């Protein structure tokens, strides 16, 4: 669970619109993930939550007490 400020980089903001994902859903993953997975990139986190029949994945970094969302996608 995160309690930091949540920011979205340019890529993540663009992908929200293209993939029809709301910030509220992303923040639900960050506040109460079903699974915390290992990320393939050092310094990033990969969490997911079941939404209906699909998984919503959120990739993010922690920087200076902030959460920076890098991308999000359905899986």
PDB file of N, CA and C in Angstrom:
ATOM      1  N   UNK A   1       0.845  -1.181   0.000  1.00  0.00           N
ATOM      2  CA  UNK A   1       0.000   0.000   0.000  1.00  0.00           C
ATOM      3  C   UNK A   1       0.892   1.246   0.000  1.00  0.00           C
ATOM      4  N   UNK A   2       0.519   2.206  -0.792  1.00  0.00           N
ATOM      5  CA  UNK A   2       1.289   3.443  -0.865  1.00  0.00           C
ATOM      6  C   UNK A   2       0.524   4.579  -0.200  1.00  0.00           C
ATOM      7  N   UNK A   3       1.276   5.473   0.399  1.00  0.00           N
ATOM      8  CA  UNK A   3       0.650   6.648   0.996  1.00  0.00           C
ATOM      9  C   UNK A   3       1.353   7.912   0.526  1.00  0.00           C
ATOM     10  N   UNK A   4       2.079   7.807  -0.576  1.00  0.00           N
ATOM     11  CA  UNK A   4       2.828   8.930  -1.129  1.00  0.00           C
ATOM     12  C   UNK A   4       2.012   9.636  -2.206  1.00  0.00           C
ATOM     13  N   UNK A   5       2.511  10.807  -2.607  1.00  0.00           N
ATOM     14  CA  UNK A   5       1.918  11.499  -3.747  1.00  0.00           C
ATOM     15  C   UNK A   5       2.073  10.634  -4.985  1.00  0.00           C
ATOM     16  N   UNK A   6       1.070  10.613  -5.829  1.00  0.00           N
ATOM     17  CA  UNK A   6       1.119   9.820  -7.057  1.00  0.00           C
ATOM     18  C   UNK A   6       1.201  10.759  -8.249  1.00  0.00           C
ATOM     19  N   UNK A   7       2.226  10.558  -9.066  1.00  0.00           N
ATOM     20  CA  UNK A   7       2.427  11.341 -10.284  1.00  0.00           C
ATOM     21  C   UNK A   7       2.481  10.382 -11.467  1.00  0.00           C
ATOM     22  N   UNK A   8       2.166  10.895 -12.636  1.00  0.00           N
ATOM     23  CA  UNK A   8       2.164  10.096 -13.860  1.00  0.00           C
ATOM     24  C   UNK A   8       3.132  10.736 -14.847  1.00  0.00           C
ATOM     25  N   UNK A   9       4.050   9.920 -15.410  1.00  0.00           N
ATOM     26  CA  UNK A   9       4.925  10.490 -16.434  1.00  0.00           C
ATOM     27  C   UNK A   9       4.140  10.646 -17.738  1.00  0.00           C
ATOM     28  N   UNK A  10       4.764  11.262 -18.730  1.00  0.00           N
ATOM     29  CA  UNK A  10       4.083  11.547 -20.000  1.00  0.00           C
ATOM     30  C   UNK A  10       3.543  10.269 -20.644  1.00  0.00           C
ATOM     31  N   UNK A  11       4.355   9.229 -20.661  1.00  0.00           N
ATOM     32  CA  UNK A  11       3.948   7.960 -21.272  1.00  0.00           C
ATOM     33  C   UNK A  11       2.720   7.385 -20.566  1.00  0.00           C
ATOM     34  N   UNK A  12       2.741   7.368 -19.243  1.00  0.00           N
ATOM     35  CA  UNK A  12       1.622   6.810 -18.482  1.00  0.00           C
ATOM     36  C   UNK A  12       0.334   7.593 -18.712  1.00  0.00           C
ATOM     37  N   UNK A  13       0.451   8.912 -18.797  1.00  0.00           N
ATOM     38  CA  UNK A  13      -0.724   9.756 -19.046  1.00  0.00           C
ATOM     39  C   UNK A  13      -1.327   9.447 -20.410  1.00  0.00           C
ATOM     40  N   UNK A  14      -0.483   9.300 -21.419  1.00  0.00           N
ATOM     41  CA  UNK A  14      -0.951   8.979 -22.766  1.00  0.00           C
ATOM     42  C   UNK A  14      -1.613   7.596 -22.792  1.00  0.00           C
ATOM     43  N   UNK A  15      -0.996   6.645 -22.111  1.00  0.00           N
ATOM     44  CA  UNK A  15      -1.528   5.283 -22.110  1.00  0.00           C
ATOM     45  C   UNK A  15      -2.858   5.182 -21.371  1.00  0.00           C
ATOM     46  N   UNK A  16      -3.082   6.017 -20.362  1.00  0.00           N
ATOM     47  CA  UNK A  16      -4.379   6.015 -19.676  1.00  0.00           C
ATOM     48  C   UNK A  16      -5.505   6.222 -20.674  1.00  0.00           C
ATOM     49  N   UNK A  17      -5.329   7.198 -21.540  1.00  0.00           N
ATOM     50  CA  UNK A  17      -6.362   7.517 -22.527  1.00  0.00           C
ATOM     51  C   UNK A  17      -6.490   6.416 -23.571  1.00  0.00           C
ATOM     52  N   UNK A  18      -5.361   5.970 -24.093  1.00  0.00           N
ATOM     53  CA  UNK A  18      -5.382   4.965 -25.169  1.00  0.00           C
ATOM     54  C   UNK A  18      -5.937   3.625 -24.702  1.00  0.00           C
ATOM     55  N   UNK A  19      -5.677   3.283 -23.456  1.00  0.00           N
ATOM     56  CA  UNK A  19      -6.087   1.973 -22.946  1.00  0.00           C
ATOM     57  C   UNK A  19      -7.370   2.025 -22.124  1.00  0.00           C
ATOM     58  N   UNK A  20      -7.988   3.196 -22.064  1.00  0.00           N
ATOM     59  CA  UNK A  20      -9.250   3.385 -21.338  1.00  0.00           C
ATOM     60  C   UNK A  20      -9.146   2.926 -19.885  1.00  0.00           C
ATOM     61  N   UNK A  21      -8.132   3.461 -19.211  1.00  0.00           N
ATOM     62  CA  UNK A  21      -7.894   3.165 -17.802  1.00  0.00           C
ATOM     63  C   UNK A  21      -7.999   4.478 -17.031  1.00  0.00           C
ATOM     64  N   UNK A  22      -8.749   4.470 -15.953  1.00  0.00           N
ATOM     65  CA  UNK A  22      -8.889   5.692 -15.153  1.00  0.00           C
ATOM     66  C   UNK A  22      -7.784   5.764 -14.095  1.00  0.00           C
ATOM     67  N   UNK A  23      -7.501   6.976 -13.657  1.00  0.00           N
ATOM     68  CA  UNK A  23      -6.540   7.164 -12.574  1.00  0.00           C
ATOM     69  C   UNK A  23      -7.044   6.494 -11.299  1.00  0.00           C
ATOM     70  N   UNK A  24      -8.344   6.470 -11.117  1.00  0.00           N
ATOM     71  CA  UNK A  24      -8.919   5.836  -9.937  1.00  0.00           C
ATOM     72  C   UNK A  24      -8.586   4.345  -9.895  1.00  0.00           C
ATOM     73  N   UNK A  25      -8.630   3.683 -11.063  1.00  0.00           N
ATOM     74  CA  UNK A  25      -8.270   2.265 -11.111  1.00  0.00           C
ATOM     75  C   UNK A  25      -6.791   2.066 -10.815  1.00  0.00           C
ATOM     76  N   UNK A  26      -5.947   2.908 -11.390  1.00  0.00           N
ATOM     77  CA  UNK A  26      -4.503   2.818 -11.132  1.00  0.00           C
ATOM     78  C   UNK A  26      -4.238   2.996  -9.642  1.00  0.00           C
ATOM     79  N   UNK A  27      -4.872   3.967  -9.049  1.00  0.00           N
ATOM     80  CA  UNK A  27      -4.663   4.237  -7.633  1.00  0.00           C
ATOM     81  C   UNK A  27      -5.213   3.117  -6.758  1.00  0.00           C
ATOM     82  N   UNK A  28      -6.261   2.425  -7.220  1.00  0.00           N
ATOM     83  CA  UNK A  28      -6.767   1.261  -6.493  1.00  0.00           C
ATOM     84  C   UNK A  28      -5.712   0.153  -6.457  1.00  0.00           C
ATOM     85  N   UNK A  29      -5.007  -0.018  -7.567  1.00  0.00           N
ATOM     86  CA  UNK A  29      -3.916  -1.002  -7.609  1.00  0.00           C
ATOM     87  C   UNK A  29      -2.824  -0.595  -6.619  1.00  0.00           C
ATOM     88  N   UNK A  30      -2.469   0.681  -6.617  1.00  0.00           N
ATOM     89  CA  UNK A  30      -1.391   1.156  -5.750  1.00  0.00           C
ATOM     90  C   UNK A  30      -1.763   1.109  -4.269  1.00  0.00           C
ATOM     91  N   UNK A  31      -3.027   1.315  -3.962  1.00  0.00           N
ATOM     92  CA  UNK A  31      -3.450   1.318  -2.556  1.00  0.00           C
ATOM     93  C   UNK A  31      -3.734  -0.086  -2.024  1.00  0.00           C
ATOM     94  N   UNK A  32      -4.202  -0.985  -2.902  1.00  0.00           N
ATOM     95  CA  UNK A  32      -4.528  -2.338  -2.437  1.00  0.00           C
ATOM     96  C   UNK A  32      -4.320  -3.347  -3.570  1.00  0.00           C
ATOM     97  N   UNK A  33      -3.059  -3.652  -3.880  1.00  0.00           N
ATOM     98  CA  UNK A  33      -2.793  -4.610  -4.953  1.00  0.00           C
ATOM     99  C   UNK A  33      -3.159  -6.036  -4.530  1.00  0.00           C
ATOM    100  N   UNK A  34      -3.537  -6.850  -5.506  1.00  0.00           N
ATOM    101  CA  UNK A  34      -3.751  -8.268  -5.231  1.00  0.00           C
ATOM    102  C   UNK A  34      -2.413  -9.001  -5.230  1.00  0.00           C
ATOM    103  N   UNK A  35      -1.490  -8.540  -6.074  1.00  0.00           N
ATOM    104  CA  UNK A  35      -0.194  -9.194  -6.219  1.00  0.00           C
ATOM    105  C   UNK A  35       0.893  -8.160  -6.434  1.00  0.00           C
ATOM    106  N   UNK A  36       2.018  -8.350  -5.767  1.00  0.00           N
ATOM    107  CA  UNK A  36       3.208  -7.523  -5.994  1.00  0.00           C
ATOM    108  C   UNK A  36       4.226  -8.409  -6.695  1.00  0.00           C
ATOM    109  N   UNK A  37       4.438  -8.138  -7.976  1.00  0.00           N
ATOM    110  CA  UNK A  37       5.319  -8.953  -8.795  1.00  0.00           C
ATOM    111  C   UNK A  37       6.714  -8.344  -8.879  1.00  0.00           C
ATOM    112  N   UNK A  38       7.677  -9.176  -9.254  1.00  0.00           N
ATOM    113  CA  UNK A  38       9.015  -8.669  -9.503  1.00  0.00           C
ATOM    114  C   UNK A  38       9.049  -7.998 -10.856  1.00  0.00           C
ATOM    115  N   UNK A  39       9.669  -6.853 -10.898  1.00  0.00           N
ATOM    116  CA  UNK A  39       9.831  -6.150 -12.165  1.00  0.00           C
ATOM    117  C   UNK A  39      11.151  -6.557 -12.781  1.00  0.00           C
ATOM    118  N   UNK A  40      11.234  -6.481 -14.100  1.00  0.00           N
ATOM    119  CA  UNK A  40      12.467  -6.838 -14.790  1.00  0.00           C
ATOM    120  C   UNK A  40      13.470  -5.697 -14.774  1.00  0.00           C
ATOM    121  N   UNK A  41      13.038  -4.489 -14.442  1.00  0.00           N
ATOM    122  CA  UNK A  41      13.937  -3.330 -14.393  1.00  0.00           C
ATOM    123  C   UNK A  41      14.233  -2.949 -12.949  1.00  0.00           C
ATOM    124  N   UNK A  42      15.489  -2.741 -12.662  1.00  0.00           N
ATOM    125  CA  UNK A  42      15.900  -2.351 -11.311  1.00  0.00           C
ATOM    126  C   UNK A  42      15.284  -0.994 -10.949  1.00  0.00           C
ATOM    127  N   UNK A  43      14.756  -0.910  -9.753  1.00  0.00           N
ATOM    128  CA  UNK A  43      14.190   0.348  -9.282  1.00  0.00           C
ATOM    129  C   UNK A  43      12.726   0.536  -9.607  1.00  0.00           C
ATOM    130  N   UNK A  44      12.124  -0.415 -10.310  1.00  0.00           N
ATOM    131  CA  UNK A  44      10.698  -0.297 -10.613  1.00  0.00           C
ATOM    132  C   UNK A  44       9.919  -1.385  -9.894  1.00  0.00           C
ATOM    133  N   UNK A  45       8.652  -1.120  -9.695  1.00  0.00           N
ATOM    134  CA  UNK A  45       7.732  -2.063  -9.061  1.00  0.00           C
ATOM    135  C   UNK A  45       6.631  -2.411 -10.052  1.00  0.00           C
ATOM    136  N   UNK A  46       6.143  -3.627  -9.967  1.00  0.00           N
ATOM    137  CA  UNK A  46       5.077  -4.096 -10.861  1.00  0.00           C
ATOM    138  C   UNK A  46       4.001  -4.737  -9.987  1.00  0.00           C
ATOM    139  N   UNK A  47       2.891  -4.037  -9.833  1.00  0.00           N
ATOM    140  CA  UNK A  47       1.787  -4.523  -9.029  1.00  0.00           C
ATOM    141  C   UNK A  47       0.572  -4.738  -9.920  1.00  0.00           C
ATOM    142  N   UNK A  48      -0.327  -5.624  -9.478  1.00  0.00           N
ATOM    143  CA  UNK A  48      -1.538  -5.868 -10.265  1.00  0.00           C
ATOM    144  C   UNK A  48      -2.733  -6.095  -9.356  1.00  0.00           C
ATOM    145  N   UNK A  49      -3.905  -5.909  -9.969  1.00  0.00           N
ATOM    146  CA  UNK A  49      -5.177  -6.101  -9.267  1.00  0.00           C
ATOM    147  C   UNK A  49      -6.183  -6.649 -10.273  1.00  0.00           C
ATOM    148  N   UNK A  50      -6.996  -7.569  -9.827  1.00  0.00           N
ATOM    149  CA  UNK A  50      -8.042  -8.131 -10.675  1.00  0.00           C
ATOM    150  C   UNK A  50      -9.189  -7.130 -10.768  1.00  0.00           C
ATOM    151  N   UNK A  51      -9.558  -6.782 -11.998  1.00  0.00           N
ATOM    152  CA  UNK A  51     -10.672  -5.861 -12.255  1.00  0.00           C
ATOM    153  C   UNK A  51     -11.596  -6.589 -13.228  1.00  0.00           C
ATOM    154  N   UNK A  52     -12.714  -7.061 -12.720  1.00  0.00           N
ATOM    155  CA  UNK A  52     -13.596  -7.872 -13.558  1.00  0.00           C
ATOM    156  C   UNK A  52     -12.884  -9.168 -13.913  1.00  0.00           C
ATOM    157  N   UNK A  53     -12.787  -9.450 -15.206  1.00  0.00           N
ATOM    158  CA  UNK A  53     -12.120 -10.673 -15.667  1.00  0.00           C
ATOM    159  C   UNK A  53     -10.653 -10.450 -16.026  1.00  0.00           C
ATOM    160  N   UNK A  54     -10.189  -9.213 -15.946  1.00  0.00           N
ATOM    161  CA  UNK A  54      -8.826  -8.876 -16.365  1.00  0.00           C
ATOM    162  C   UNK A  54      -7.961  -8.422 -15.197  1.00  0.00           C
ATOM    163  N   UNK A  55      -6.665  -8.477 -15.413  1.00  0.00           N
ATOM    164  CA  UNK A  55      -5.703  -7.930 -14.469  1.00  0.00           C
ATOM    165  C   UNK A  55      -5.289  -6.550 -14.946  1.00  0.00           C
ATOM    166  N   UNK A  56      -5.217  -5.618 -14.019  1.00  0.00           N
ATOM    167  CA  UNK A  56      -4.670  -4.300 -14.320  1.00  0.00           C
ATOM    168  C   UNK A  56      -3.282  -4.238 -13.694  1.00  0.00           C
ATOM    169  N   UNK A  57      -2.269  -4.049 -14.534  1.00  0.00           N
ATOM    170  CA  UNK A  57      -0.876  -3.970 -14.100  1.00  0.00           C
ATOM    171  C   UNK A  57      -0.455  -2.506 -14.032  1.00  0.00           C
ATOM    172  N   UNK A  58       0.306  -2.164 -13.013  1.00  0.00           N
ATOM    173  CA  UNK A  58       0.841  -0.816 -12.870  1.00  0.00           C
ATOM    174  C   UNK A  58       2.341  -0.939 -12.595  1.00  0.00           C
ATOM    175  N   UNK A  59       3.122  -0.269 -13.425  1.00  0.00           N
ATOM    176  CA  UNK A  59       4.575  -0.217 -13.261  1.00  0.00           C
ATOM    177  C   UNK A  59       4.898   1.178 -12.736  1.00  0.00           C
ATOM    178  N   UNK A  60       5.652   1.238 -11.630  1.00  0.00           N
ATOM    179  CA  UNK A  60       5.947   2.541 -11.040  1.00  0.00           C
ATOM    180  C   UNK A  60       7.304   2.533 -10.349  1.00  0.00           C
ATOM    181  N   UNK A  61       7.777   3.747 -10.049  1.00  0.00           N
ATOM    182  CA  UNK A  61       9.022   3.957  -9.318  1.00  0.00           C
ATOM    183  C   UNK A  61       8.728   4.797  -8.088  1.00  0.00           C
ATOM    184  N   UNK A  62       9.535   4.640  -7.075  1.00  0.00           N
ATOM    185  CA  UNK A  62       9.460   5.488  -5.881  1.00  0.00           C
ATOM    186  C   UNK A  62      10.629   6.466  -5.951  1.00  0.00           C
ATOM    187  N   UNK A  63      10.339   7.749  -5.867  1.00  0.00           N
ATOM    188  CA  UNK A  63      11.371   8.788  -5.899  1.00  0.00           C
ATOM    189  C   UNK A  63      11.029   9.886  -4.902  1.00  0.00           C
ATOM    190  N   UNK A  64      11.884  10.088  -3.919  1.00  0.00           N
ATOM    191  CA  UNK A  64      11.720  11.187  -2.953  1.00  0.00           C
ATOM    192  C   UNK A  64      10.306  11.270  -2.393  1.00  0.00           C
ATOM    193  N   UNK A  65       9.828  10.196  -1.816  1.00  0.00           N
ATOM    194  CA  UNK A  65       8.484  10.135  -1.220  1.00  0.00           C
ATOM    195  C   UNK A  65       7.365  10.365  -2.225  1.00  0.00           C
ATOM    196  N   UNK A  66       7.634  10.098  -3.486  1.00  0.00           N
ATOM    197  CA  UNK A  66       6.608  10.203  -4.527  1.00  0.00           C
ATOM    198  C   UNK A  66       6.537   8.874  -5.279  1.00  0.00           C
ATOM    199  N   UNK A  67       5.367   8.588  -5.770  1.00  0.00           N
ATOM    200  CA  UNK A  67       5.163   7.451  -6.657  1.00  0.00           C
ATOM    201  C   UNK A  67       5.070   8.017  -8.065  1.00  0.00           C
ATOM    202  N   UNK A  68       5.879   7.498  -8.968  1.00  0.00           N
ATOM    203  CA  UNK A  68       5.832   7.934 -10.362  1.00  0.00           C
ATOM    204  C   UNK A  68       5.382   6.742 -11.201  1.00  0.00           C
ATOM    205  N   UNK A  69       4.170   6.841 -11.724  1.00  0.00           N
ATOM    206  CA  UNK A  69       3.627   5.771 -12.558  1.00  0.00           C
ATOM    207  C   UNK A  69       4.286   5.873 -13.924  1.00  0.00           C
ATOM    208  N   UNK A  70       4.877   4.757 -14.355  1.00  0.00           N
ATOM    209  CA  UNK A  70       5.586   4.688 -15.626  1.00  0.00           C
ATOM    210  C   UNK A  70       4.640   4.216 -16.733  1.00  0.00           C
ATOM    211  N   UNK A  71       3.850   3.213 -16.446  1.00  0.00           N
ATOM    212  CA  UNK A  71       2.862   2.703 -17.407  1.00  0.00           C
ATOM    213  C   UNK A  71       1.835   1.845 -16.674  1.00  0.00           C
ATOM    214  N   UNK A  72       0.772   1.567 -17.360  1.00  0.00           N
ATOM    215  CA  UNK A  72      -0.284   0.699 -16.855  1.00  0.00           C
ATOM    216  C   UNK A  72      -0.902  -0.011 -18.042  1.00  0.00           C
ATOM    217  N   UNK A  73      -1.346  -1.250 -17.818  1.00  0.00           N
ATOM    218  CA  UNK A  73      -1.917  -2.016 -18.947  1.00  0.00           C
ATOM    219  C   UNK A  73      -2.777  -3.137 -18.433  1.00  0.00           C
ATOM    220  N   UNK A  74      -3.662  -3.608 -19.303  1.00  0.00           N
ATOM    221  CA  UNK A  74      -4.516  -4.749 -19.020  1.00  0.00           C
ATOM    222  C   UNK A  74      -3.796  -6.032 -19.408  1.00  0.00           C
ATOM    223  N   UNK A  75      -3.967  -7.052 -18.621  1.00  0.00           N
ATOM    224  CA  UNK A  75      -3.336  -8.336 -18.951  1.00  0.00           C
ATOM    225  C   UNK A  75      -4.241  -9.493 -18.629  1.00  0.00           C
TER     226      UNK A  75
END
